[in-house]
Amino acid sequence: MASSNPFSKYKALVFDCYGTLIDWETGIYDSLKPLFQKSGAPTDRRTIIDAFSSVERDLQGRFPTMRYTDLLAKVYKTLEARLQNKETPPDVLRDDASTGTPVLSSAHVASGTSQVASAAVGTSAEADADADAQGPAEAFAQSVAAWQPFPDTRPALARLSQRFKLVILSNIDRDTIARTRAVLERGDPAHAFAFAAVYTAEDVGTYKPAPEVLAYALERVREEFGVEEGEVLVAAQSVFHDILPAKRRGLDTAWINRASAVTGLPEASGVEPTYVFETLGDLAEAVASESR
């Protein structure tokens, strides 16, 4: 007899990280607000985040193989120049920091996610130390590792880990996600869990929403855990980066439609995710309720 629990068919949950698990927009807003204040520009949350997102998308399209930390520094410099009505600095338009070719990580080939898991734990103090040693653009890029999760993230992941393989698929570089992974997994002993795997844009050599990114993760999940595409649920806040690519591939999706979100929403009109939740905690509760 078929199960009446709609979540029983899933064996793995693939999450976006920044914006879904980590409070990405608050990190952006808090970090960039002083730059906007200095120039006399509007400092409301939507203005700052929309300005950031516009530049980020443009640079990701221009430099698809660039490490995200390097790209973030370019975003900062571009915004700074625009706010001061200056020409974009020449170094922002150069591809010096790009790898030039797709980079396929060896971290998942022979030893699962051991390379990521063994990375040093990132702390706010370490991020602050990195910032002190660099200019403001580089400091902004390095600060991502210290940005904090939503209050519901760790409890929800702890509950979900009892039922599913938890996988991160993020538009980030390996070094930053290693620090963030430590913040998520080790930041609250009362809600202990571990990700089964972590995949990044640096592993693939391009950024979401390029279909190659999701394809890479699905292939790795199948090879490493024996989980087929139909057994994967993609859970994310950004419609643009995650929900649409997953739907185009025929996957089930859980849109985490956080009330405060600004980014990734213009594409939401007409999109019909499989599930919609206001928080990750709501997803975890729905899974638990169907299992009772």
Protein backbone atom coordinates (compact mmCIF):
# COMPACT_ATOMS: atom_id res chain seq x y z
CA MET A 1 0.00 0.00 0.00
CA ALA A 2 1.39 3.41 -0.99
CA SER A 3 2.26 5.77 1.82
CA SER A 4 -0.06 8.74 2.39
CA ASN A 5 2.91 10.77 3.62
CA PRO A 6 3.98 13.04 0.70
CA PHE A 7 7.48 13.39 2.15
CA SER A 8 8.13 9.65 2.37
CA LYS A 9 9.45 9.50 -1.21
CA TYR A 10 12.35 11.86 -0.50
CA LYS A 11 15.72 10.64 0.70
CA ALA A 12 17.72 13.86 0.33
CA LEU A 13 17.01 17.55 0.81
CA VAL A 14 19.13 19.95 -1.24
CA PHE A 15 19.30 23.41 0.31
CA ASP A 16 20.52 26.74 -0.82
CA CYS A 17 22.56 28.15 2.05
CA TYR A 18 22.72 31.95 2.01
CA GLY A 19 19.19 33.33 2.18
CA THR A 20 17.65 29.99 3.13
CA LEU A 21 19.77 28.88 6.09
CA ILE A 22 21.90 31.98 6.71
CA ASP A 23 20.33 35.43 7.05
CA TRP A 24 22.05 36.64 3.92
CA GLU A 25 20.10 39.85 3.38
CA THR A 26 20.70 41.13 6.91
CA GLY A 27 24.40 40.45 6.42
CA ILE A 28 24.42 42.40 3.16
CA TYR A 29 22.40 45.27 4.61
CA ASP A 30 24.43 45.65 7.79
CA SER A 31 27.73 45.44 5.90
CA LEU A 32 26.86 47.86 3.09
CA LYS A 33 24.75 50.41 4.96
CA PRO A 34 27.79 52.49 6.08
CA LEU A 35 28.93 52.74 2.46
CA PHE A 36 25.54 54.10 1.40
CA GLN A 37 25.37 56.45 4.41
CA LYS A 38 28.78 57.89 3.55
CA SER A 39 27.61 58.81 0.05
CA GLY A 40 24.27 60.25 1.17
CA ALA A 41 22.32 57.64 -0.78
CA PRO A 42 19.07 56.11 0.53
CA THR A 43 19.77 53.50 3.18
CA ASP A 44 16.53 51.54 3.32
CA ARG A 45 16.89 47.78 3.19
CA ARG A 46 15.34 47.25 -0.25
CA THR A 47 17.45 49.93 -1.94
CA ILE A 48 20.71 48.49 -0.62
CA ILE A 49 19.88 44.84 -1.29
CA ASP A 50 18.50 45.56 -4.78
CA ALA A 51 21.66 47.53 -5.64
CA PHE A 52 23.84 44.68 -4.41
CA SER A 53 21.84 42.02 -6.27
CA SER A 54 21.97 43.93 -9.56
CA VAL A 55 25.76 44.23 -9.49
CA GLU A 56 26.24 40.68 -8.21
CA ARG A 57 24.19 39.17 -11.05
CA ASP A 58 26.07 41.19 -13.65
CA LEU A 59 29.48 40.15 -12.34
CA GLN A 60 28.50 36.50 -11.96
CA GLY A 61 27.49 36.51 -15.62
CA ARG A 62 30.75 38.20 -16.60
CA PHE A 63 33.04 36.07 -14.42
CA PRO A 64 31.32 32.67 -14.03
CA THR A 65 34.45 30.84 -12.83
CA MET A 66 35.59 33.44 -10.31
CA ARG A 67 35.74 32.50 -6.63
CA TYR A 68 32.81 34.11 -4.88
CA THR A 69 34.96 35.87 -2.28
CA ASP A 70 36.89 37.59 -5.07
CA LEU A 71 33.67 38.44 -6.87
CA LEU A 72 32.17 39.98 -3.70
CA ALA A 73 35.13 42.33 -3.42
CA LYS A 74 34.41 43.46 -6.99
CA VAL A 75 30.75 44.00 -6.09
CA TYR A 76 31.78 46.29 -3.24
CA LYS A 77 34.18 48.29 -5.43
CA THR A 78 31.55 48.67 -8.15
CA LEU A 79 28.94 49.92 -5.70
CA GLU A 80 31.43 52.29 -4.13
CA ALA A 81 32.29 53.79 -7.54
CA ARG A 82 28.63 54.19 -8.51
CA LEU A 83 27.74 55.84 -5.23
CA GLN A 84 30.57 58.32 -5.76
CA ASN A 85 29.64 58.88 -9.45
CA LYS A 86 33.03 57.57 -10.53
CA GLU A 87 34.14 55.21 -13.27
CA THR A 88 34.31 51.54 -12.34
CA PRO A 89 37.90 50.76 -11.24
CA PRO A 90 39.90 48.96 -13.95
CA ASP A 91 40.70 46.01 -11.68
CA VAL A 92 36.98 45.29 -11.33
CA LEU A 93 36.71 44.79 -15.08
CA ARG A 94 39.67 42.39 -15.21
CA ASP A 95 39.43 38.65 -14.81
CA ASP A 96 42.61 38.30 -12.75
CA ALA A 97 40.93 36.39 -9.93
CA SER A 98 39.11 33.91 -12.15
CA THR A 99 40.25 30.34 -12.61
CA GLY A 100 39.53 30.62 -16.31
CA THR A 101 38.18 27.05 -16.54
CA PRO A 102 35.63 25.09 -14.53
CA VAL A 103 37.10 23.76 -11.32
CA LEU A 104 36.02 20.25 -10.34
CA SER A 105 36.60 19.59 -6.69
CA SER A 106 38.41 16.45 -5.55
CA ALA A 107 36.81 16.88 -2.12
CA HIS A 108 33.89 14.60 -2.97
CA VAL A 109 35.59 12.07 -5.22
CA ALA A 110 37.42 9.82 -2.82
CA SER A 111 36.45 10.94 0.64
CA GLY A 112 32.94 12.35 0.59
CA THR A 113 32.98 15.83 2.09
CA SER A 114 36.06 15.35 4.22
CA GLN A 115 37.86 18.33 2.75
CA VAL A 116 35.07 20.67 3.80
CA ALA A 117 34.47 18.98 7.11
CA SER A 118 38.09 19.21 8.19
CA ALA A 119 38.36 22.94 7.58
CA ALA A 120 38.98 25.19 10.54
CA VAL A 121 35.96 26.43 12.43
CA GLY A 122 35.10 29.97 11.38
CA THR A 123 34.27 32.52 14.07
CA SER A 124 33.31 36.16 14.12
CA ALA A 125 36.69 36.94 15.69
CA GLU A 126 38.53 35.25 12.84
CA ALA A 127 36.45 37.07 10.24
CA ASP A 128 37.13 40.37 12.02
CA ALA A 129 40.85 39.63 12.03
CA ASP A 130 40.75 38.98 8.28
CA ALA A 131 38.89 42.24 7.79
CA ASP A 132 41.46 44.24 9.78
CA ALA A 133 44.23 43.01 7.49
CA GLN A 134 42.50 44.07 4.26
CA GLY A 135 40.76 46.95 2.56
CA PRO A 136 36.99 47.54 2.89
CA ALA A 137 36.10 45.56 -0.25
CA GLU A 138 38.05 42.51 0.87
CA ALA A 139 36.74 42.91 4.42
CA PHE A 140 33.18 42.84 3.11
CA ALA A 141 33.91 39.68 1.13
CA GLN A 142 35.46 37.93 4.12
CA SER A 143 32.66 38.93 6.49
CA VAL A 144 30.22 36.43 4.96
CA ALA A 145 31.75 33.63 7.03
CA ALA A 146 30.54 35.35 10.22
CA TRP A 147 26.95 35.96 9.10
CA GLN A 148 24.47 34.12 11.27
CA PRO A 149 21.66 31.63 10.58
CA PHE A 150 17.98 32.39 10.95
CA PRO A 151 16.67 31.43 14.42
CA ASP A 152 14.74 28.45 13.03
CA THR A 153 17.59 27.05 10.92
CA ARG A 154 19.52 24.85 13.35
CA PRO A 155 16.48 23.33 15.11
CA ALA A 156 14.87 22.59 11.73
CA LEU A 157 18.01 21.00 10.28
CA ALA A 158 18.43 18.86 13.39
CA ARG A 159 14.88 17.53 12.98
CA LEU A 160 15.19 17.02 9.22
CA SER A 161 18.52 15.21 9.57
CA GLN A 162 16.69 12.38 11.33
CA ARG A 163 14.85 11.60 8.09
CA PHE A 164 16.93 12.83 5.16
CA LYS A 165 20.42 13.32 3.81
CA LEU A 166 21.05 17.06 4.11
CA VAL A 167 22.95 18.64 1.22
CA ILE A 168 24.03 22.24 0.61
CA LEU A 169 24.30 23.60 -2.94
CA SER A 170 25.59 27.17 -2.78
CA ASN A 171 26.88 29.99 -4.98
CA ILE A 172 29.97 30.29 -2.82
CA ASP A 173 33.60 29.21 -2.59
CA ARG A 174 34.92 26.27 -0.60
CA ASP A 175 36.73 28.31 2.05
CA THR A 176 33.70 30.39 2.99
CA ILE A 177 31.26 27.48 3.04
CA ALA A 178 33.63 25.53 5.29
CA ARG A 179 33.39 28.30 7.90
CA THR A 180 29.64 28.63 7.49
CA ARG A 181 29.22 24.87 7.75
CA ALA A 182 31.01 24.94 11.09
CA VAL A 183 28.75 27.77 12.30
CA LEU A 184 25.67 25.75 11.39
CA GLU A 185 26.77 22.32 12.58
CA ARG A 186 28.63 23.29 15.76
CA GLY A 187 26.98 26.52 16.82
CA ASP A 188 24.22 24.96 18.94
CA PRO A 189 24.97 21.68 20.76
CA ALA A 190 21.29 21.36 21.65
CA HIS A 191 20.48 20.94 17.95
CA ALA A 192 23.32 18.78 16.66
CA PHE A 193 23.31 17.51 13.08
CA ALA A 194 25.69 17.09 10.15
CA PHE A 195 25.37 17.76 6.45
CA ALA A 196 25.88 14.71 4.27
CA ALA A 197 27.52 16.80 1.53
CA VAL A 198 28.32 20.36 0.55
CA TYR A 199 28.72 21.46 -3.08
CA THR A 200 29.68 24.92 -4.30
CA ALA A 201 29.82 27.05 -7.42
CA GLU A 202 33.59 26.75 -7.16
CA ASP A 203 33.26 22.97 -7.53
CA VAL A 204 31.27 23.36 -10.73
CA GLY A 205 32.94 26.38 -12.28
CA THR A 206 29.80 28.48 -12.74
CA TYR A 207 27.01 30.05 -10.71
CA LYS A 208 23.35 29.24 -10.19
CA PRO A 209 20.92 29.45 -11.91
CA ALA A 210 23.08 27.78 -14.60
CA PRO A 211 21.61 24.26 -14.93
CA GLU A 212 25.06 22.72 -14.67
CA VAL A 213 25.16 23.54 -10.96
CA LEU A 214 22.10 21.54 -10.00
CA ALA A 215 23.08 18.77 -12.42
CA TYR A 216 26.44 18.48 -10.68
CA ALA A 217 24.82 18.16 -7.26
CA LEU A 218 22.31 15.56 -8.43
CA GLU A 219 25.04 13.46 -10.01
CA ARG A 220 27.13 13.61 -6.84
CA VAL A 221 24.15 12.70 -4.63
CA ARG A 222 23.37 9.73 -6.85
CA GLU A 223 26.98 8.52 -6.93
CA GLU A 224 27.72 9.08 -3.25
CA PHE A 225 24.41 8.09 -1.64
CA GLY A 226 22.45 6.16 -4.26
CA VAL A 227 19.69 8.80 -4.23
CA GLU A 228 17.91 9.30 -7.55
CA GLU A 229 16.51 12.61 -8.81
CA GLY A 230 12.94 11.71 -7.96
CA GLU A 231 14.02 11.18 -4.35
CA VAL A 232 15.40 14.73 -3.99
CA LEU A 233 13.50 17.75 -2.67
CA VAL A 234 15.06 21.16 -3.37
CA ALA A 235 14.39 23.65 -0.54
CA ALA A 236 15.36 27.28 -1.06
CA GLN A 237 14.32 30.91 -0.66
CA SER A 238 15.42 32.20 -4.07
CA VAL A 239 13.01 31.48 -6.90
CA PHE A 240 15.52 32.76 -9.45
CA HIS A 241 18.55 30.78 -8.30
CA ASP A 242 17.00 27.53 -7.08
CA ILE A 243 13.26 26.96 -7.44
CA LEU A 244 13.02 27.67 -11.18
CA PRO A 245 16.07 25.57 -12.15
CA ALA A 246 14.75 22.68 -10.07
CA LYS A 247 11.27 22.90 -11.59
CA ARG A 248 12.71 23.02 -15.09
CA ARG A 249 14.47 19.75 -14.33
CA GLY A 250 11.25 18.21 -13.04
CA LEU A 251 12.20 18.12 -9.37
CA ASP A 252 9.91 18.73 -6.43
CA THR A 253 10.55 22.01 -4.65
CA ALA A 254 9.91 23.62 -1.28
CA TRP A 255 9.93 27.40 -1.48
CA ILE A 256 11.00 28.91 1.85
CA ASN A 257 9.19 32.21 1.38
CA ARG A 258 10.69 34.18 4.24
CA ALA A 259 8.67 37.31 5.02
CA SER A 260 11.68 39.63 5.08
CA ALA A 261 13.17 38.45 1.77
CA VAL A 262 13.89 40.90 -1.04
CA THR A 263 16.12 38.93 -3.41
CA GLY A 264 15.09 36.19 -5.81
CA LEU A 265 11.40 37.17 -5.80
CA PRO A 266 10.61 38.97 -9.10
CA GLU A 267 10.47 35.57 -10.81
CA ALA A 268 7.96 34.22 -8.28
CA SER A 269 4.89 35.28 -10.26
CA GLY A 270 3.34 32.23 -11.88
CA VAL A 271 5.74 29.79 -10.24
CA GLU A 272 4.06 26.85 -8.54
CA PRO A 273 6.44 25.10 -6.14
CA THR A 274 5.44 21.72 -4.79
CA TYR A 275 5.35 23.18 -1.27
CA VAL A 276 5.48 26.68 0.19
CA PHE A 277 6.60 27.43 3.76
CA GLU A 278 7.32 30.69 5.53
CA THR A 279 10.31 29.25 7.40
CA LEU A 280 12.50 26.18 7.40
CA GLY A 281 10.96 25.37 10.75
CA ASP A 282 7.57 25.10 9.05
CA LEU A 283 8.99 22.56 6.60
CA ALA A 284 10.42 20.50 9.46
CA GLU A 285 7.08 20.62 11.28
CA ALA A 286 5.19 19.55 8.15
CA VAL A 287 7.48 16.55 7.74
CA ALA A 288 7.06 15.62 11.39
CA SER A 289 3.27 16.01 11.24
CA GLU A 290 2.94 13.75 8.21
CA SER A 291 5.02 11.11 9.96
CA ARG A 292 2.88 10.92 13.08
